[in-house]
C-alpha atoms as a PDB file:
ATOM      1  CA  UNK A   1      -0.171  -8.628 -20.915  1.00  0.00           C
ATOM      2  CA  UNK A   2       0.633  -8.923 -17.283  1.00  0.00           C
ATOM      3  CA  UNK A   3       1.612  -5.936 -15.130  1.00  0.00           C
ATOM      4  CA  UNK A   4       3.451  -6.687 -11.895  1.00  0.00           C
ATOM      5  CA  UNK A   5       3.877  -4.078  -9.183  1.00  0.00           C
ATOM      6  CA  UNK A   6       5.005  -4.174  -5.640  1.00  0.00           C
ATOM      7  CA  UNK A   7       2.482  -4.423  -2.927  1.00  0.00           C
ATOM      8  CA  UNK A   8       3.947  -1.790  -0.542  1.00  0.00           C
ATOM      9  CA  UNK A   9       1.428  -2.545   2.185  1.00  0.00           C
ATOM     10  CA  UNK A  10       2.404  -6.177   2.591  1.00  0.00           C
ATOM     11  CA  UNK A  11       6.107  -5.093   2.686  1.00  0.00           C
ATOM     12  CA  UNK A  12       5.429  -2.751   5.535  1.00  0.00           C
ATOM     13  CA  UNK A  13       3.317  -5.248   7.254  1.00  0.00           C
ATOM     14  CA  UNK A  14       5.965  -7.905   7.084  1.00  0.00           C
ATOM     15  CA  UNK A  15       8.571  -5.604   8.362  1.00  0.00           C
ATOM     16  CA  UNK A  16       6.401  -4.636  11.372  1.00  0.00           C
ATOM     17  CA  UNK A  17       5.509  -8.405  11.986  1.00  0.00           C
ATOM     18  CA  UNK A  18       9.316  -9.061  12.278  1.00  0.00           C
ATOM     19  CA  UNK A  19       9.746  -6.204  14.651  1.00  0.00           C
ATOM     20  CA  UNK A  20      12.228  -4.379  12.464  1.00  0.00           C
ATOM     21  CA  UNK A  21      12.814  -0.673  11.887  1.00  0.00           C
ATOM     22  CA  UNK A  22      13.690   0.594   8.390  1.00  0.00           C
ATOM     23  CA  UNK A  23      17.162   1.175   9.677  1.00  0.00           C
ATOM     24  CA  UNK A  24      17.558  -2.444  10.866  1.00  0.00           C
ATOM     25  CA  UNK A  25      16.057  -3.875   7.705  1.00  0.00           C
ATOM     26  CA  UNK A  26      18.495  -1.682   5.761  1.00  0.00           C
ATOM     27  CA  UNK A  27      21.430  -3.232   7.587  1.00  0.00           C
ATOM     28  CA  UNK A  28      20.133  -6.773   7.052  1.00  0.00           C
ATOM     29  CA  UNK A  29      19.455  -6.416   3.438  1.00  0.00           C
ATOM     30  CA  UNK A  30      22.146  -4.056   2.364  1.00  0.00           C
ATOM     31  CA  UNK A  31      19.633  -1.761   0.859  1.00  0.00           C
ATOM     32  CA  UNK A  32      19.695   1.959   1.740  1.00  0.00           C
ATOM     33  CA  UNK A  33      16.981   3.285   4.006  1.00  0.00           C
ATOM     34  CA  UNK A  34      15.682   5.408   1.125  1.00  0.00           C
ATOM     35  CA  UNK A  35      15.342   2.338  -1.051  1.00  0.00           C
ATOM     36  CA  UNK A  36      13.224   0.652   1.622  1.00  0.00           C
ATOM     37  CA  UNK A  37      11.182   3.752   2.189  1.00  0.00           C
ATOM     38  CA  UNK A  38      10.410   3.954  -1.607  1.00  0.00           C
ATOM     39  CA  UNK A  39       9.450   0.220  -1.599  1.00  0.00           C
ATOM     40  CA  UNK A  40       7.125   0.673   1.278  1.00  0.00           C
ATOM     41  CA  UNK A  41       5.498   3.780   0.078  1.00  0.00           C
ATOM     42  CA  UNK A  42       5.138   2.842  -3.464  1.00  0.00           C
ATOM     43  CA  UNK A  43       7.147   5.858  -4.777  1.00  0.00           C
ATOM     44  CA  UNK A  44       8.879   5.986  -8.077  1.00  0.00           C
ATOM     45  CA  UNK A  45      12.011   7.848  -6.958  1.00  0.00           C
ATOM     46  CA  UNK A  46      15.535   7.746  -7.924  1.00  0.00           C
ATOM     47  CA  UNK A  47      16.611   4.798  -5.822  1.00  0.00           C
ATOM     48  CA  UNK A  48      16.218   2.314  -8.367  1.00  0.00           C
ATOM     49  CA  UNK A  49      18.015   2.028 -11.820  1.00  0.00           C
ATOM     50  CA  UNK A  50      15.286   0.105 -13.475  1.00  0.00           C
ATOM     51  CA  UNK A  51      12.296  -2.040 -12.775  1.00  0.00           C
ATOM     52  CA  UNK A  52      14.290  -5.318 -12.341  1.00  0.00           C
ATOM     53  CA  UNK A  53      16.444  -3.506  -9.819  1.00  0.00           C
ATOM     54  CA  UNK A  54      13.248  -2.795  -7.770  1.00  0.00           C
ATOM     55  CA  UNK A  55      12.113  -6.463  -8.027  1.00  0.00           C
ATOM     56  CA  UNK A  56      15.643  -7.665  -6.979  1.00  0.00           C
ATOM     57  CA  UNK A  57      15.441  -5.385  -3.889  1.00  0.00           C
ATOM     58  CA  UNK A  58      12.064  -6.849  -3.029  1.00  0.00           C
ATOM     59  CA  UNK A  59      13.584 -10.371  -3.292  1.00  0.00           C
ATOM     60  CA  UNK A  60      16.348  -9.251  -0.842  1.00  0.00           C
ATOM     61  CA  UNK A  61      13.880  -7.924   1.594  1.00  0.00           C
ATOM     62  CA  UNK A  62      11.860 -11.194   1.410  1.00  0.00           C
ATOM     63  CA  UNK A  63      14.997 -13.319   1.836  1.00  0.00           C
ATOM     64  CA  UNK A  64      15.931 -11.260   5.004  1.00  0.00           C
ATOM     65  CA  UNK A  65      12.461 -11.792   6.335  1.00  0.00           C
ATOM     66  CA  UNK A  66      12.503 -15.540   5.344  1.00  0.00           C
ATOM     67  CA  UNK A  67       9.382 -15.303   3.219  1.00  0.00           C
ATOM     68  CA  UNK A  68       8.517 -15.887  -0.471  1.00  0.00           C
ATOM     69  CA  UNK A  69       9.030 -12.669  -2.400  1.00  0.00           C
ATOM     70  CA  UNK A  70       5.916 -13.430  -4.483  1.00  0.00           C
ATOM     71  CA  UNK A  71       3.609 -12.296  -1.581  1.00  0.00           C
ATOM     72  CA  UNK A  72       5.042  -8.789  -2.040  1.00  0.00           C
ATOM     73  CA  UNK A  73       4.148  -8.612  -5.708  1.00  0.00           C
ATOM     74  CA  UNK A  74       0.670  -7.879  -7.133  1.00  0.00           C
ATOM     75  CA  UNK A  75      -0.085  -8.934 -10.848  1.00  0.00           C
ATOM     76  CA  UNK A  76      -2.879  -7.590 -12.912  1.00  0.00           C
ATOM     77  CA  UNK A  77      -3.822  -8.110 -16.594  1.00  0.00           C
ATOM     78  CA  UNK A  78      -4.273  -5.136 -18.790  1.00  0.00           C
ATOM     79  CA  UNK A  79      -4.869  -4.938 -22.396  1.00  0.00           C
ATOM     80  CA  UNK A  80      -3.358  -2.508 -24.861  1.00  0.00           C
ATOM     81  CA  UNK A  81      -5.984  -0.796 -26.982  1.00  0.00           C
ATOM     82  CA  UNK A  82      -6.009  -2.251 -30.415  1.00  0.00           C
ATOM     83  CA  UNK A  83      -7.034  -0.492 -33.665  1.00  0.00           C
ATOM     84  CA  UNK A  84     -10.794  -0.511 -33.717  1.00  0.00           C
END
């Protein structure tokens, strides 16, 4: 099974590279400053309705920065324990 998470460090680095504050990125993307903070800090707060909503917000940030959103995602495989 594949587990995809947001790589918050890459998000923060990309925002810095584009010279944007959280407030400026918020205006460009239409996301709240709280949502951007939670994405960048890897927090699981109340800013996102569900997992897909979080990924959609990552896509919006990537689009605003003109980069491929996949660079902000980290995938790792994990296995569910089976009956042994």
